[in-house]
PDB file of N, CA and C in Angstrom:
ATOM      1  N   MET A   1       0.861  -1.151   0.000  1.00  0.00           N
ATOM      2  CA  MET A   1       0.000   0.000   0.000  1.00  0.00           C
ATOM      3  C   MET A   1       0.909   1.216   0.000  1.00  0.00           C
ATOM      4  N   TYR A   2       0.564   2.214  -0.793  1.00  0.00           N
ATOM      5  CA  TYR A   2       1.421   3.386  -0.901  1.00  0.00           C
ATOM      6  C   TYR A   2       0.596   4.655  -1.052  1.00  0.00           C
ATOM      7  N   ILE A   3       1.244   5.774  -0.773  1.00  0.00           N
ATOM      8  CA  ILE A   3       0.649   7.096  -1.001  1.00  0.00           C
ATOM      9  C   ILE A   3       1.660   7.905  -1.800  1.00  0.00           C
ATOM     10  N   VAL A   4       1.184   8.545  -2.854  1.00  0.00           N
ATOM     11  CA  VAL A   4       2.018   9.475  -3.609  1.00  0.00           C
ATOM     12  C   VAL A   4       1.415  10.872  -3.496  1.00  0.00           C
ATOM     13  N   ARG A   5       2.294  11.855  -3.529  1.00  0.00           N
ATOM     14  CA  ARG A   5       1.859  13.253  -3.562  1.00  0.00           C
ATOM     15  C   ARG A   5       1.940  13.702  -5.017  1.00  0.00           C
ATOM     16  N   CYS A   6       0.846  14.243  -5.508  1.00  0.00           N
ATOM     17  CA  CYS A   6       0.780  14.697  -6.894  1.00  0.00           C
ATOM     18  C   CYS A   6       1.264  16.139  -7.011  1.00  0.00           C
ATOM     19  N   ARG A   7       1.493  16.562  -8.250  1.00  0.00           N
ATOM     20  CA  ARG A   7       1.973  17.915  -8.531  1.00  0.00           C
ATOM     21  C   ARG A   7       1.062  18.980  -7.909  1.00  0.00           C
ATOM     22  N   ASP A   8      -0.242  18.722  -7.877  1.00  0.00           N
ATOM     23  CA  ASP A   8      -1.192  19.692  -7.314  1.00  0.00           C
ATOM     24  C   ASP A   8      -1.328  19.564  -5.798  1.00  0.00           C
ATOM     25  N   ASP A   9      -0.433  18.810  -5.171  1.00  0.00           N
ATOM     26  CA  ASP A   9      -0.379  18.582  -3.729  1.00  0.00           C
ATOM     27  C   ASP A   9      -1.490  17.665  -3.221  1.00  0.00           C
ATOM     28  N   SER A  10      -2.226  17.038  -4.117  1.00  0.00           N
ATOM     29  CA  SER A  10      -3.218  16.057  -3.685  1.00  0.00           C
ATOM     30  C   SER A  10      -2.496  14.744  -3.402  1.00  0.00           C
ATOM     31  N   LEU A  11      -3.192  13.854  -2.719  1.00  0.00           N
ATOM     32  CA  LEU A  11      -2.621  12.562  -2.339  1.00  0.00           C
ATOM     33  C   LEU A  11      -3.393  11.446  -3.025  1.00  0.00           C
ATOM     34  N   TYR A  12      -2.659  10.461  -3.525  1.00  0.00           N
ATOM     35  CA  TYR A  12      -3.277   9.298  -4.156  1.00  0.00           C
ATOM     36  C   TYR A  12      -2.802   8.056  -3.418  1.00  0.00           C
ATOM     37  N   THR A  13      -3.738   7.175  -3.091  1.00  0.00           N
ATOM     38  CA  THR A  13      -3.430   5.939  -2.369  1.00  0.00           C
ATOM     39  C   THR A  13      -3.709   4.748  -3.269  1.00  0.00           C
ATOM     40  N   GLY A  14      -2.779   3.799  -3.283  1.00  0.00           N
ATOM     41  CA  GLY A  14      -2.965   2.593  -4.079  1.00  0.00           C
ATOM     42  C   GLY A  14      -2.225   1.424  -3.468  1.00  0.00           C
ATOM     43  N   TRP A  15      -2.229   0.308  -4.175  1.00  0.00           N
ATOM     44  CA  TRP A  15      -1.479  -0.863  -3.727  1.00  0.00           C
ATOM     45  C   TRP A  15      -0.810  -1.480  -4.951  1.00  0.00           C
ATOM     46  N   THR A  16       0.274  -2.178  -4.718  1.00  0.00           N
ATOM     47  CA  THR A  16       1.009  -2.820  -5.800  1.00  0.00           C
ATOM     48  C   THR A  16       1.943  -3.882  -5.248  1.00  0.00           C
ATOM     49  N   ASN A  17       2.378  -4.769  -6.120  1.00  0.00           N
ATOM     50  CA  ASN A  17       3.404  -5.749  -5.766  1.00  0.00           C
ATOM     51  C   ASN A  17       4.794  -5.247  -6.127  1.00  0.00           C
ATOM     52  N   HIS A  18       4.858  -4.203  -6.949  1.00  0.00           N
ATOM     53  CA  HIS A  18       6.132  -3.688  -7.463  1.00  0.00           C
ATOM     54  C   HIS A  18       6.132  -2.159  -7.342  1.00  0.00           C
ATOM     55  N   LEU A  19       6.540  -1.679  -6.187  1.00  0.00           N
ATOM     56  CA  LEU A  19       6.407  -0.263  -5.850  1.00  0.00           C
ATOM     57  C   LEU A  19       7.151   0.664  -6.806  1.00  0.00           C
ATOM     58  N   ALA A  20       8.416   0.428  -7.039  1.00  0.00           N
ATOM     59  CA  ALA A  20       9.202   1.327  -7.904  1.00  0.00           C
ATOM     60  C   ALA A  20       8.603   1.381  -9.312  1.00  0.00           C
ATOM     61  N   GLU A  21       8.208   0.230  -9.831  1.00  0.00           N
ATOM     62  CA  GLU A  21       7.626   0.189 -11.167  1.00  0.00           C
ATOM     63  C   GLU A  21       6.288   0.919 -11.210  1.00  0.00           C
ATOM     64  N   ARG A  22       5.518   0.801 -10.145  1.00  0.00           N
ATOM     65  CA  ARG A  22       4.203   1.451 -10.107  1.00  0.00           C
ATOM     66  C   ARG A  22       4.347   2.965 -10.056  1.00  0.00           C
ATOM     67  N   VAL A  23       5.271   3.468  -9.252  1.00  0.00           N
ATOM     68  CA  VAL A  23       5.496   4.914  -9.195  1.00  0.00           C
ATOM     69  C   VAL A  23       5.984   5.408 -10.551  1.00  0.00           C
ATOM     70  N   ALA A  24       6.872   4.653 -11.186  1.00  0.00           N
ATOM     71  CA  ALA A  24       7.346   5.020 -12.522  1.00  0.00           C
ATOM     72  C   ALA A  24       6.193   5.039 -13.523  1.00  0.00           C
ATOM     73  N   ALA A  25       5.283   4.091 -13.407  1.00  0.00           N
ATOM     74  CA  ALA A  25       4.116   4.054 -14.295  1.00  0.00           C
ATOM     75  C   ALA A  25       3.243   5.293 -14.083  1.00  0.00           C
ATOM     76  N   HIS A  26       3.035   5.672 -12.841  1.00  0.00           N
ATOM     77  CA  HIS A  26       2.267   6.901 -12.570  1.00  0.00           C
ATOM     78  C   HIS A  26       2.934   8.083 -13.263  1.00  0.00           C
ATOM     79  N   ASN A  27       4.239   8.189 -13.132  1.00  0.00           N
ATOM     80  CA  ASN A  27       4.956   9.325 -13.713  1.00  0.00           C
ATOM     81  C   ASN A  27       5.037   9.270 -15.231  1.00  0.00           C
ATOM     82  N   ALA A  28       4.844   8.094 -15.805  1.00  0.00           N
ATOM     83  CA  ALA A  28       4.819   7.950 -17.255  1.00  0.00           C
ATOM     84  C   ALA A  28       3.411   8.152 -17.818  1.00  0.00           C
ATOM     85  N   GLY A  29       2.452   8.408 -16.938  1.00  0.00           N
ATOM     86  CA  GLY A  29       1.075   8.601 -17.382  1.00  0.00           C
ATOM     87  C   GLY A  29       0.341   7.291 -17.615  1.00  0.00           C
ATOM     88  N   LYS A  30       0.915   6.186 -17.146  1.00  0.00           N
ATOM     89  CA  LYS A  30       0.307   4.874 -17.345  1.00  0.00           C
ATOM     90  C   LYS A  30      -0.215   4.287 -16.044  1.00  0.00           C
ATOM     91  N   GLY A  31      -0.232   5.070 -14.990  1.00  0.00           N
ATOM     92  CA  GLY A  31      -0.738   4.604 -13.709  1.00  0.00           C
ATOM     93  C   GLY A  31      -2.246   4.774 -13.673  1.00  0.00           C
ATOM     94  N   ALA A  32      -2.739   5.392 -12.663  1.00  0.00           N
ATOM     95  CA  ALA A  32      -4.179   5.626 -12.512  1.00  0.00           C
ATOM     96  C   ALA A  32      -4.611   6.856 -13.302  1.00  0.00           C
ATOM     97  N   ARG A  33      -5.858   6.876 -13.697  1.00  0.00           N
ATOM     98  CA  ARG A  33      -6.409   8.032 -14.408  1.00  0.00           C
ATOM     99  C   ARG A  33      -6.248   9.302 -13.567  1.00  0.00           C
ATOM    100  N   TYR A  34      -6.421   9.169 -12.256  1.00  0.00           N
ATOM    101  CA  TYR A  34      -6.322  10.328 -11.360  1.00  0.00           C
ATOM    102  C   TYR A  34      -4.954  10.982 -11.443  1.00  0.00           C
ATOM    103  N   THR A  35      -3.901  10.188 -11.458  1.00  0.00           N
ATOM    104  CA  THR A  35      -2.550  10.758 -11.429  1.00  0.00           C
ATOM    105  C   THR A  35      -2.056  11.181 -12.803  1.00  0.00           C
ATOM    106  N   LYS A  36      -2.695  10.715 -13.844  1.00  0.00           N
ATOM    107  CA  LYS A  36      -2.238  11.000 -15.212  1.00  0.00           C
ATOM    108  C   LYS A  36      -2.099  12.493 -15.479  1.00  0.00           C
ATOM    109  N   SER A  37      -3.059  13.283 -15.015  1.00  0.00           N
ATOM    110  CA  SER A  37      -3.025  14.735 -15.252  1.00  0.00           C
ATOM    111  C   SER A  37      -2.393  15.502 -14.097  1.00  0.00           C
ATOM    112  N   ARG A  38      -1.846  14.772 -13.126  1.00  0.00           N
ATOM    113  CA  ARG A  38      -1.277  15.424 -11.942  1.00  0.00           C
ATOM    114  C   ARG A  38       0.201  15.060 -11.757  1.00  0.00           C
ATOM    115  N   ARG A  39       0.865  14.719 -12.839  1.00  0.00           N
ATOM    116  CA  ARG A  39       2.275  14.338 -12.798  1.00  0.00           C
ATOM    117  C   ARG A  39       3.170  15.548 -12.672  1.00  0.00           C
ATOM    118  N   PRO A  40       4.340  15.380 -12.106  1.00  0.00           N
ATOM    119  CA  PRO A  40       4.889  14.137 -11.575  1.00  0.00           C
ATOM    120  C   PRO A  40       4.332  13.853 -10.182  1.00  0.00           C
ATOM    121  N   VAL A  41       4.450  12.597  -9.786  1.00  0.00           N
ATOM    122  CA  VAL A  41       4.071  12.196  -8.435  1.00  0.00           C
ATOM    123  C   VAL A  41       5.333  11.814  -7.681  1.00  0.00           C
ATOM    124  N   GLU A  42       5.239  11.903  -6.353  1.00  0.00           N
ATOM    125  CA  GLU A  42       6.370  11.558  -5.492  1.00  0.00           C
ATOM    126  C   GLU A  42       5.891  10.577  -4.427  1.00  0.00           C
ATOM    127  N   LEU A  43       6.586   9.487  -4.274  1.00  0.00           N
ATOM    128  CA  LEU A  43       6.256   8.527  -3.227  1.00  0.00           C
ATOM    129  C   LEU A  43       6.543   9.166  -1.874  1.00  0.00           C
ATOM    130  N   VAL A  44       5.510   9.214  -1.016  1.00  0.00           N
ATOM    131  CA  VAL A  44       5.694   9.829   0.299  1.00  0.00           C
ATOM    132  C   VAL A  44       5.461   8.858   1.452  1.00  0.00           C
ATOM    133  N   TYR A  45       4.893   7.684   1.156  1.00  0.00           N
ATOM    134  CA  TYR A  45       4.597   6.737   2.231  1.00  0.00           C
ATOM    135  C   TYR A  45       4.313   5.376   1.628  1.00  0.00           C
ATOM    136  N   TYR A  46       4.711   4.326   2.349  1.00  0.00           N
ATOM    137  CA  TYR A  46       4.302   2.979   1.954  1.00  0.00           C
ATOM    138  C   TYR A  46       4.324   2.048   3.149  1.00  0.00           C
ATOM    139  N   GLU A  47       3.566   0.976   3.033  1.00  0.00           N
ATOM    140  CA  GLU A  47       3.547  -0.103   4.009  1.00  0.00           C
ATOM    141  C   GLU A  47       3.595  -1.417   3.233  1.00  0.00           C
ATOM    142  N   ALA A  48       4.311  -2.395   3.750  1.00  0.00           N
ATOM    143  CA  ALA A  48       4.402  -3.700   3.107  1.00  0.00           C
ATOM    144  C   ALA A  48       3.525  -4.711   3.847  1.00  0.00           C
ATOM    145  N   PHE A  49       2.952  -5.631   3.092  1.00  0.00           N
ATOM    146  CA  PHE A  49       2.073  -6.654   3.649  1.00  0.00           C
ATOM    147  C   PHE A  49       2.427  -8.003   3.068  1.00  0.00           C
ATOM    148  N   GLY A  50       2.032  -9.047   3.738  1.00  0.00           N
ATOM    149  CA  GLY A  50       2.325 -10.399   3.294  1.00  0.00           C
ATOM    150  C   GLY A  50       1.445 -10.884   2.162  1.00  0.00           C
ATOM    151  N   THR A  51       0.226 -10.322   2.074  1.00  0.00           N
ATOM    152  CA  THR A  51      -0.697 -10.778   1.034  1.00  0.00           C
ATOM    153  C   THR A  51      -1.357  -9.591   0.330  1.00  0.00           C
ATOM    154  N   LYS A  52      -1.828  -9.857  -0.860  1.00  0.00           N
ATOM    155  CA  LYS A  52      -2.563  -8.861  -1.651  1.00  0.00           C
ATOM    156  C   LYS A  52      -3.815  -8.402  -0.889  1.00  0.00           C
ATOM    157  N   GLU A  53      -4.478  -9.340  -0.265  1.00  0.00           N
ATOM    158  CA  GLU A  53      -5.711  -9.023   0.460  1.00  0.00           C
ATOM    159  C   GLU A  53      -5.458  -8.055   1.619  1.00  0.00           C
ATOM    160  N   GLU A  54      -4.351  -8.259   2.335  1.00  0.00           N
ATOM    161  CA  GLU A  54      -4.003  -7.346   3.433  1.00  0.00           C
ATOM    162  C   GLU A  54      -3.721  -5.950   2.900  1.00  0.00           C
ATOM    163  N   ALA A  55      -2.991  -5.874   1.806  1.00  0.00           N
ATOM    164  CA  ALA A  55      -2.663  -4.575   1.208  1.00  0.00           C
ATOM    165  C   ALA A  55      -3.919  -3.863   0.719  1.00  0.00           C
ATOM    166  N   MET A  56      -4.799  -4.609   0.087  1.00  0.00           N
ATOM    167  CA  MET A  56      -6.042  -4.011  -0.416  1.00  0.00           C
ATOM    168  C   MET A  56      -6.944  -3.546   0.727  1.00  0.00           C
ATOM    169  N   SER A  57      -6.972  -4.301   1.800  1.00  0.00           N
ATOM    170  CA  SER A  57      -7.758  -3.906   2.962  1.00  0.00           C
ATOM    171  C   SER A  57      -7.217  -2.618   3.571  1.00  0.00           C
ATOM    172  N   ARG A  58      -5.904  -2.539   3.704  1.00  0.00           N
ATOM    173  CA  ARG A  58      -5.293  -1.324   4.252  1.00  0.00           C
ATOM    174  C   ARG A  58      -5.532  -0.137   3.332  1.00  0.00           C
ATOM    175  N   GLU A  59      -5.406  -0.346   2.023  1.00  0.00           N
ATOM    176  CA  GLU A  59      -5.679   0.728   1.058  1.00  0.00           C
ATOM    177  C   GLU A  59      -7.109   1.234   1.242  1.00  0.00           C
ATOM    178  N   PHE A  60      -8.053   0.326   1.367  1.00  0.00           N
ATOM    179  CA  PHE A  60      -9.464   0.679   1.562  1.00  0.00           C
ATOM    180  C   PHE A  60      -9.628   1.592   2.773  1.00  0.00           C
ATOM    181  N   HIS A  61      -8.969   1.250   3.883  1.00  0.00           N
ATOM    182  CA  HIS A  61      -9.096   2.045   5.099  1.00  0.00           C
ATOM    183  C   HIS A  61      -8.377   3.391   4.980  1.00  0.00           C
ATOM    184  N   VAL A  62      -7.213   3.406   4.380  1.00  0.00           N
ATOM    185  CA  VAL A  62      -6.466   4.666   4.235  1.00  0.00           C
ATOM    186  C   VAL A  62      -7.200   5.618   3.296  1.00  0.00           C
ATOM    187  N   LYS A  63      -7.824   5.103   2.250  1.00  0.00           N
ATOM    188  CA  LYS A  63      -8.563   5.967   1.320  1.00  0.00           C
ATOM    189  C   LYS A  63      -9.710   6.686   2.017  1.00  0.00           C
ATOM    190  N   ARG A  64     -10.191   6.141   3.106  1.00  0.00           N
ATOM    191  CA  ARG A  64     -11.300   6.766   3.829  1.00  0.00           C
ATOM    192  C   ARG A  64     -10.852   7.751   4.905  1.00  0.00           C
ATOM    193  N   LEU A  65      -9.555   7.882   5.091  1.00  0.00           N
ATOM    194  CA  LEU A  65      -9.037   8.876   6.030  1.00  0.00           C
ATOM    195  C   LEU A  65      -9.208  10.275   5.454  1.00  0.00           C
ATOM    196  N   THR A  66      -9.301  11.246   6.323  1.00  0.00           N
ATOM    197  CA  THR A  66      -9.324  12.633   5.858  1.00  0.00           C
ATOM    198  C   THR A  66      -7.922  13.009   5.391  1.00  0.00           C
ATOM    199  N   ARG A  67      -7.807  14.108   4.669  1.00  0.00           N
ATOM    200  CA  ARG A  67      -6.491  14.578   4.227  1.00  0.00           C
ATOM    201  C   ARG A  67      -5.593  14.818   5.437  1.00  0.00           C
ATOM    202  N   ALA A  68      -6.139  15.420   6.485  1.00  0.00           N
ATOM    203  CA  ALA A  68      -5.353  15.697   7.691  1.00  0.00           C
ATOM    204  C   ALA A  68      -4.833  14.395   8.307  1.00  0.00           C
ATOM    205  N   GLU A  69      -5.667  13.367   8.340  1.00  0.00           N
ATOM    206  CA  GLU A  69      -5.243  12.082   8.889  1.00  0.00           C
ATOM    207  C   GLU A  69      -4.158  11.440   8.025  1.00  0.00           C
ATOM    208  N   LYS A  70      -4.292  11.571   6.705  1.00  0.00           N
ATOM    209  CA  LYS A  70      -3.261  11.033   5.810  1.00  0.00           C
ATOM    210  C   LYS A  70      -1.948  11.781   5.998  1.00  0.00           C
ATOM    211  N   LEU A  71      -2.011  13.092   6.146  1.00  0.00           N
ATOM    212  CA  LEU A  71      -0.791  13.872   6.350  1.00  0.00           C
ATOM    213  C   LEU A  71      -0.114  13.487   7.663  1.00  0.00           C
ATOM    214  N   LYS A  72      -0.910  13.206   8.676  1.00  0.00           N
ATOM    215  CA  LYS A  72      -0.350  12.763   9.955  1.00  0.00           C
ATOM    216  C   LYS A  72       0.337  11.410   9.785  1.00  0.00           C
ATOM    217  N   LEU A  73      -0.281  10.513   9.037  1.00  0.00           N
ATOM    218  CA  LEU A  73       0.310   9.208   8.766  1.00  0.00           C
ATOM    219  C   LEU A  73       1.634   9.372   8.017  1.00  0.00           C
ATOM    220  N   ILE A  74       1.649  10.215   7.017  1.00  0.00           N
ATOM    221  CA  ILE A  74       2.848  10.458   6.207  1.00  0.00           C
ATOM    222  C   ILE A  74       3.961  11.084   7.041  1.00  0.00           C
ATOM    223  N   SER A  75       3.608  11.934   7.981  1.00  0.00           N
ATOM    224  CA  SER A  75       4.611  12.671   8.739  1.00  0.00           C
ATOM    225  C   SER A  75       5.366  11.826   9.756  1.00  0.00           C
ATOM    226  N   LYS A  76       4.898  10.592   9.986  1.00  0.00           N
ATOM    227  CA  LYS A  76       5.629   9.712  10.899  1.00  0.00           C
ATOM    228  C   LYS A  76       7.037   9.506  10.341  1.00  0.00           C
ATOM    229  N   ASP A  77       7.962   9.247  11.198  1.00  0.00           N
ATOM    230  CA  ASP A  77       9.371   9.118  10.797  1.00  0.00           C
ATOM    231  C   ASP A  77       9.594   7.771  10.106  1.00  0.00           C
ATOM    232  N   ILE A  78       9.194   7.711   8.850  1.00  0.00           N
ATOM    233  CA  ILE A  78       9.341   6.489   8.066  1.00  0.00           C
ATOM    234  C   ILE A  78      10.203   6.782   6.842  1.00  0.00           C
ATOM    235  N   LYS A  79      11.216   5.983   6.641  1.00  0.00           N
ATOM    236  CA  LYS A  79      12.104   6.149   5.509  1.00  0.00           C
ATOM    237  C   LYS A  79      11.392   5.644   4.260  1.00  0.00           C
ATOM    238  N   VAL A  80      11.285   6.476   3.242  1.00  0.00           N
ATOM    239  CA  VAL A  80      10.597   6.113   2.014  1.00  0.00           C
ATOM    240  C   VAL A  80      11.632   5.804   0.940  1.00  0.00           C
ATOM    241  N   GLU A  81      11.628   4.565   0.497  1.00  0.00           N
ATOM    242  CA  GLU A  81      12.491   4.128  -0.605  1.00  0.00           C
ATOM    243  C   GLU A  81      11.663   3.256  -1.516  1.00  0.00           C
ATOM    244  N   ALA A  82      11.749   3.486  -2.789  1.00  0.00           N
ATOM    245  CA  ALA A  82      10.991   2.664  -3.744  1.00  0.00           C
ATOM    246  C   ALA A  82      11.770   1.408  -4.074  1.00  0.00           C
TER     247      ALA A  82
END
């Protein structure tokens, strides 16, 4: 599960098995429709899970957070590397 910050300062949440490739796809305009017109994007947060289902469940819950709650989550001292 990951969060990227878009050029317009909006946040996009998704999940993937290949984080670096997915962020590159977003920046190439081949990611989500939402990020296509908001490039470039920057990876600002991620969490790793053992299964696709766990990642999708976490994505579902994070997408329902307010922007303020997402910013608080992002601001935790977590090293972001793709």
